[in-house]
Structure formats: C-alpha cells, structure tokens
C-alpha cells in the first residue's frame, strides 16, 4: 500500500511540476544611457546601465560612466539577483530589469558633496545615515566644501555605495558604503 501511495505522489508531483519544467527561461538584455555630471559640475559624461544574461535570472548588472572623450571613469559589475531586495521568479523578472535600469539612471545623481552631513564617529554617523565613511576625516571634510556630484547605487540587496570622481586618479572613488544591518535582537 505504501508503494502504491508513493507512486501516486510521484506521478502527481510530475504532473504538477511538468508545466514549470517545460517553461524555458528567457534572456534579458536591457541598456539605458543618460548624460550625467560626474567628473565635474558642468561635465557631460555618459552613464550606461546594462543588465544582460541568458537566462535572465543569471543576468549581470554593469554600471559604466565614460567622460566626454569616451574614457571610462567608473565601472561596477554585479549579479542582478543580488541587487533585488526580494526573490523574483522568472516571469516577473524580465519587466523588473527595465525598471531597475531606469531607477539607477533616475536616482543615481541626486546629491552633491556639499549636501553631506558633518563628519561623525562611525556608530553615530551610521545611526543617522545608514552609511559608513571609508575615506579619512580630512578627505571627507574637504569634499563637503565642494559641490562634486555623488553617484549613488545599490551594491547588493541591502547595500549601496556613494562614489565621487577623484581628479588625481581620474576615476571614481567610493567615499561611503551603506547598508542595513540587523540589530542584535533581530533574527
């Protein structure tokens, strides 16, 4: 009797899952570009956001900023699924890719260095901003006295970075990393 019941469950599982297994995952390939000011206040740099992969659930995110001469001044790469705050199944993933790319374009440059709050010790700064400063106090305070554009973008499902163009290296430099950490009482 047990054997017949197990066979029945196996057959039922096959019938239920067959349509799911028959669905072939689709590829995604989305690119969005926008003119941005990254290397300076009046600069005309190009931000390109590309999300591509086959299947889409294995897509890679590439954020690239090129200056007006076409030279790369910032590059970031990561897996798309690591940038989403929730699990997405394949049918819902493809429309989300375009939304993700457009959100990076729309929300990437909303602050300047003169908008940064005053320097504070790590715990105090994090408690008020969810960010951790990764440059020296001197560099940070120097940036606050300028009006440099800040490029903000996700760097994982609950983490992000703030990037400023560094004239010395002629490349983007991460000045802060942010994230949402659980407190000791949370599980």
Protein backbone atom coordinates (compact mmCIF):
# COMPACT_ATOMS: atom_id res chain seq x y z
CA UNK A 1 0.00 0.00 0.00
CA UNK A 2 2.84 2.38 0.85
CA UNK A 3 4.48 1.69 -2.50
CA UNK A 4 1.30 2.49 -4.42
CA UNK A 5 0.82 5.69 -2.43
CA UNK A 6 4.42 6.79 -3.10
CA UNK A 7 3.98 6.09 -6.81
CA UNK A 8 0.80 8.15 -6.77
CA UNK A 9 2.59 11.07 -5.07
CA UNK A 10 5.48 10.84 -7.54
CA UNK A 11 3.09 10.87 -10.53
CA UNK A 12 1.15 13.78 -9.04
CA UNK A 13 4.39 15.74 -8.46
CA UNK A 14 5.46 15.09 -12.06
CA UNK A 15 2.13 16.25 -13.44
CA UNK A 16 2.09 19.39 -11.30
CA UNK A 17 5.70 20.35 -12.00
CA UNK A 18 5.75 19.43 -15.72
CA UNK A 19 4.44 22.82 -16.88
CA UNK A 20 7.03 24.56 -14.73
CA UNK A 21 9.88 22.48 -16.09
CA UNK A 22 8.67 22.96 -19.66
CA UNK A 23 8.92 26.74 -19.39
CA UNK A 24 12.20 27.84 -20.84
CA UNK A 25 13.77 30.80 -19.09
CA UNK A 26 14.12 33.87 -21.22
CA UNK A 27 17.15 36.03 -21.69
CA UNK A 28 17.22 39.69 -20.79
CA UNK A 29 19.24 42.42 -22.41
CA UNK A 30 18.45 45.98 -21.35
CA UNK A 31 20.64 49.03 -21.80
CA UNK A 32 19.82 52.56 -20.70
CA UNK A 33 22.05 55.62 -21.06
CA UNK A 34 21.88 59.16 -19.80
CA UNK A 35 24.06 62.26 -19.81
CA UNK A 36 25.27 62.98 -16.29
CA UNK A 37 27.66 65.30 -14.50
CA UNK A 38 30.18 63.04 -12.74
CA UNK A 39 33.66 64.38 -13.50
CA UNK A 40 32.55 67.92 -12.67
CA UNK A 41 29.52 70.12 -12.14
CA UNK A 42 29.17 71.00 -15.80
CA UNK A 43 30.53 67.75 -17.24
CA UNK A 44 28.72 65.81 -19.92
CA UNK A 45 29.61 62.25 -19.01
CA UNK A 46 27.59 59.22 -20.07
CA UNK A 47 26.14 56.75 -17.60
CA UNK A 48 25.32 53.38 -19.16
CA UNK A 49 23.34 50.78 -17.25
CA UNK A 50 23.32 47.32 -18.80
CA UNK A 51 21.52 44.27 -17.45
CA UNK A 52 22.05 41.17 -19.57
CA UNK A 53 22.01 37.43 -19.14
CA UNK A 54 20.67 34.19 -20.50
CA UNK A 55 18.69 33.12 -18.61
CA UNK A 56 17.65 36.43 -17.10
CA UNK A 57 17.94 35.10 -13.52
CA UNK A 58 21.71 34.93 -14.15
CA UNK A 59 21.94 38.47 -15.54
CA UNK A 60 24.85 40.74 -14.78
CA UNK A 61 24.47 44.43 -13.92
CA UNK A 62 27.12 46.71 -15.42
CA UNK A 63 27.22 50.40 -14.48
CA UNK A 64 29.74 52.37 -16.52
CA UNK A 65 30.46 56.08 -16.66
CA UNK A 66 32.52 57.43 -19.55
CA UNK A 67 33.74 61.01 -19.75
CA UNK A 68 33.05 63.25 -22.75
CA UNK A 69 36.09 61.79 -24.53
CA UNK A 70 34.74 58.26 -24.10
CA UNK A 71 37.28 57.23 -21.44
CA UNK A 72 35.91 55.05 -18.64
CA UNK A 73 35.88 56.87 -15.29
CA UNK A 74 33.83 54.37 -13.28
CA UNK A 75 32.83 50.72 -13.60
CA UNK A 76 30.74 48.48 -11.39
CA UNK A 77 29.64 44.89 -12.09
CA UNK A 78 27.44 42.53 -10.08
CA UNK A 79 24.74 39.89 -10.35
CA UNK A 80 21.23 41.27 -10.81
CA UNK A 81 19.58 38.94 -8.27
CA UNK A 82 21.97 40.19 -5.59
CA UNK A 83 20.60 43.71 -6.16
CA UNK A 84 16.96 42.86 -5.62
CA UNK A 85 15.53 43.04 -2.10
CA UNK A 86 13.23 40.05 -2.71
CA UNK A 87 13.07 36.79 -4.62
CA UNK A 88 11.68 37.19 -8.10
CA UNK A 89 10.53 34.32 -10.27
CA UNK A 90 11.36 34.30 -13.96
CA UNK A 91 8.05 35.62 -15.37
CA UNK A 92 8.23 38.67 -13.11
CA UNK A 93 11.96 39.23 -13.57
CA UNK A 94 12.06 40.46 -17.16
CA UNK A 95 9.84 43.55 -16.61
CA UNK A 96 11.80 44.34 -13.45
CA UNK A 97 15.06 44.60 -15.40
CA UNK A 98 13.96 47.73 -17.26
CA UNK A 99 12.63 49.25 -14.05
CA UNK A 100 15.95 48.57 -12.30
CA UNK A 101 17.99 50.19 -15.11
CA UNK A 102 15.74 53.26 -15.21
CA UNK A 103 15.87 53.62 -11.42
CA UNK A 104 19.69 53.71 -11.47
CA UNK A 105 19.54 56.44 -14.14
CA UNK A 106 16.83 58.42 -12.32
CA UNK A 107 18.13 58.18 -8.75
CA UNK A 108 21.91 57.85 -9.21
CA UNK A 109 22.75 61.56 -9.08
CA UNK A 110 20.54 63.24 -6.53
CA UNK A 111 23.20 64.65 -4.16
CA UNK A 112 26.39 66.63 -4.15
CA UNK A 113 29.24 66.54 -1.68
CA UNK A 114 28.17 69.84 -0.09
CA UNK A 115 24.94 68.03 0.95
CA UNK A 116 26.87 65.55 3.10
CA UNK A 117 26.26 65.71 6.86
CA UNK A 118 29.13 66.67 9.17
CA UNK A 119 31.77 64.06 9.96
CA UNK A 120 30.92 61.91 12.99
CA UNK A 121 32.34 58.77 14.61
CA UNK A 122 31.38 55.51 12.86
CA UNK A 123 28.50 54.45 15.11
CA UNK A 124 26.97 57.91 15.34
CA UNK A 125 27.27 58.52 11.59
CA UNK A 126 25.80 55.10 10.78
CA UNK A 127 22.91 55.56 13.22
CA UNK A 128 21.91 58.79 11.49
CA UNK A 129 22.62 57.85 7.85
CA UNK A 130 23.00 54.03 7.47
CA UNK A 131 26.35 54.87 5.84
CA UNK A 132 29.95 54.28 6.87
CA UNK A 133 32.59 56.75 5.69
CA UNK A 134 35.53 54.94 4.05
CA UNK A 135 37.80 57.94 3.47
CA UNK A 136 39.76 59.93 6.01
CA UNK A 137 38.13 62.71 8.01
CA UNK A 138 40.31 65.22 6.17
CA UNK A 139 39.23 63.96 2.73
CA UNK A 140 35.58 63.80 3.81
CA UNK A 141 35.58 67.36 5.18
CA UNK A 142 37.36 68.57 2.05
CA UNK A 143 34.63 67.03 -0.11
CA UNK A 144 31.94 68.72 1.97
CA UNK A 145 33.46 72.06 0.99
CA UNK A 146 32.98 71.30 -2.72
CA UNK A 147 29.97 70.73 -4.94
CA UNK A 148 31.07 67.45 -6.51
CA UNK A 149 28.37 65.17 -7.88
CA UNK A 150 27.86 61.94 -5.94
CA UNK A 151 26.87 58.78 -7.80
CA UNK A 152 24.82 56.53 -5.53
CA UNK A 153 23.93 52.98 -6.47
CA UNK A 154 22.97 49.64 -4.97
CA UNK A 155 25.82 47.20 -4.47
CA UNK A 156 23.69 44.32 -3.19
CA UNK A 157 20.16 43.74 -1.92
CA UNK A 158 20.61 45.88 1.19
CA UNK A 159 23.89 47.67 0.50
CA UNK A 160 24.96 50.66 -1.56
CA UNK A 161 27.91 52.90 -2.32
CA UNK A 162 28.50 56.63 -2.79
CA UNK A 163 31.08 57.40 -5.49
CA UNK A 164 32.84 60.69 -6.26
CA UNK A 165 35.16 61.44 -9.16
CA UNK A 166 38.77 61.70 -7.98
CA UNK A 167 40.74 64.18 -10.11
CA UNK A 168 44.09 62.66 -9.13
CA UNK A 169 43.35 59.13 -10.26
CA UNK A 170 40.86 60.34 -12.87
CA UNK A 171 38.49 57.60 -11.74
CA UNK A 172 35.53 57.17 -9.42
CA UNK A 173 36.30 56.69 -5.73
CA UNK A 174 33.97 55.16 -3.16
CA UNK A 175 33.68 57.55 -0.24
CA UNK A 176 30.92 55.82 1.72
CA UNK A 177 29.32 52.41 1.89
CA UNK A 178 25.88 51.91 3.30
CA UNK A 179 23.66 49.09 4.33
CA UNK A 180 21.00 47.86 6.63
CA UNK A 181 22.43 45.78 9.43
CA UNK A 182 20.27 43.81 11.81
CA UNK A 183 20.46 44.73 15.45
CA UNK A 184 21.47 42.05 17.94
CA UNK A 185 17.84 41.30 18.89
CA UNK A 186 16.63 40.71 15.31
CA UNK A 187 16.65 37.22 13.85
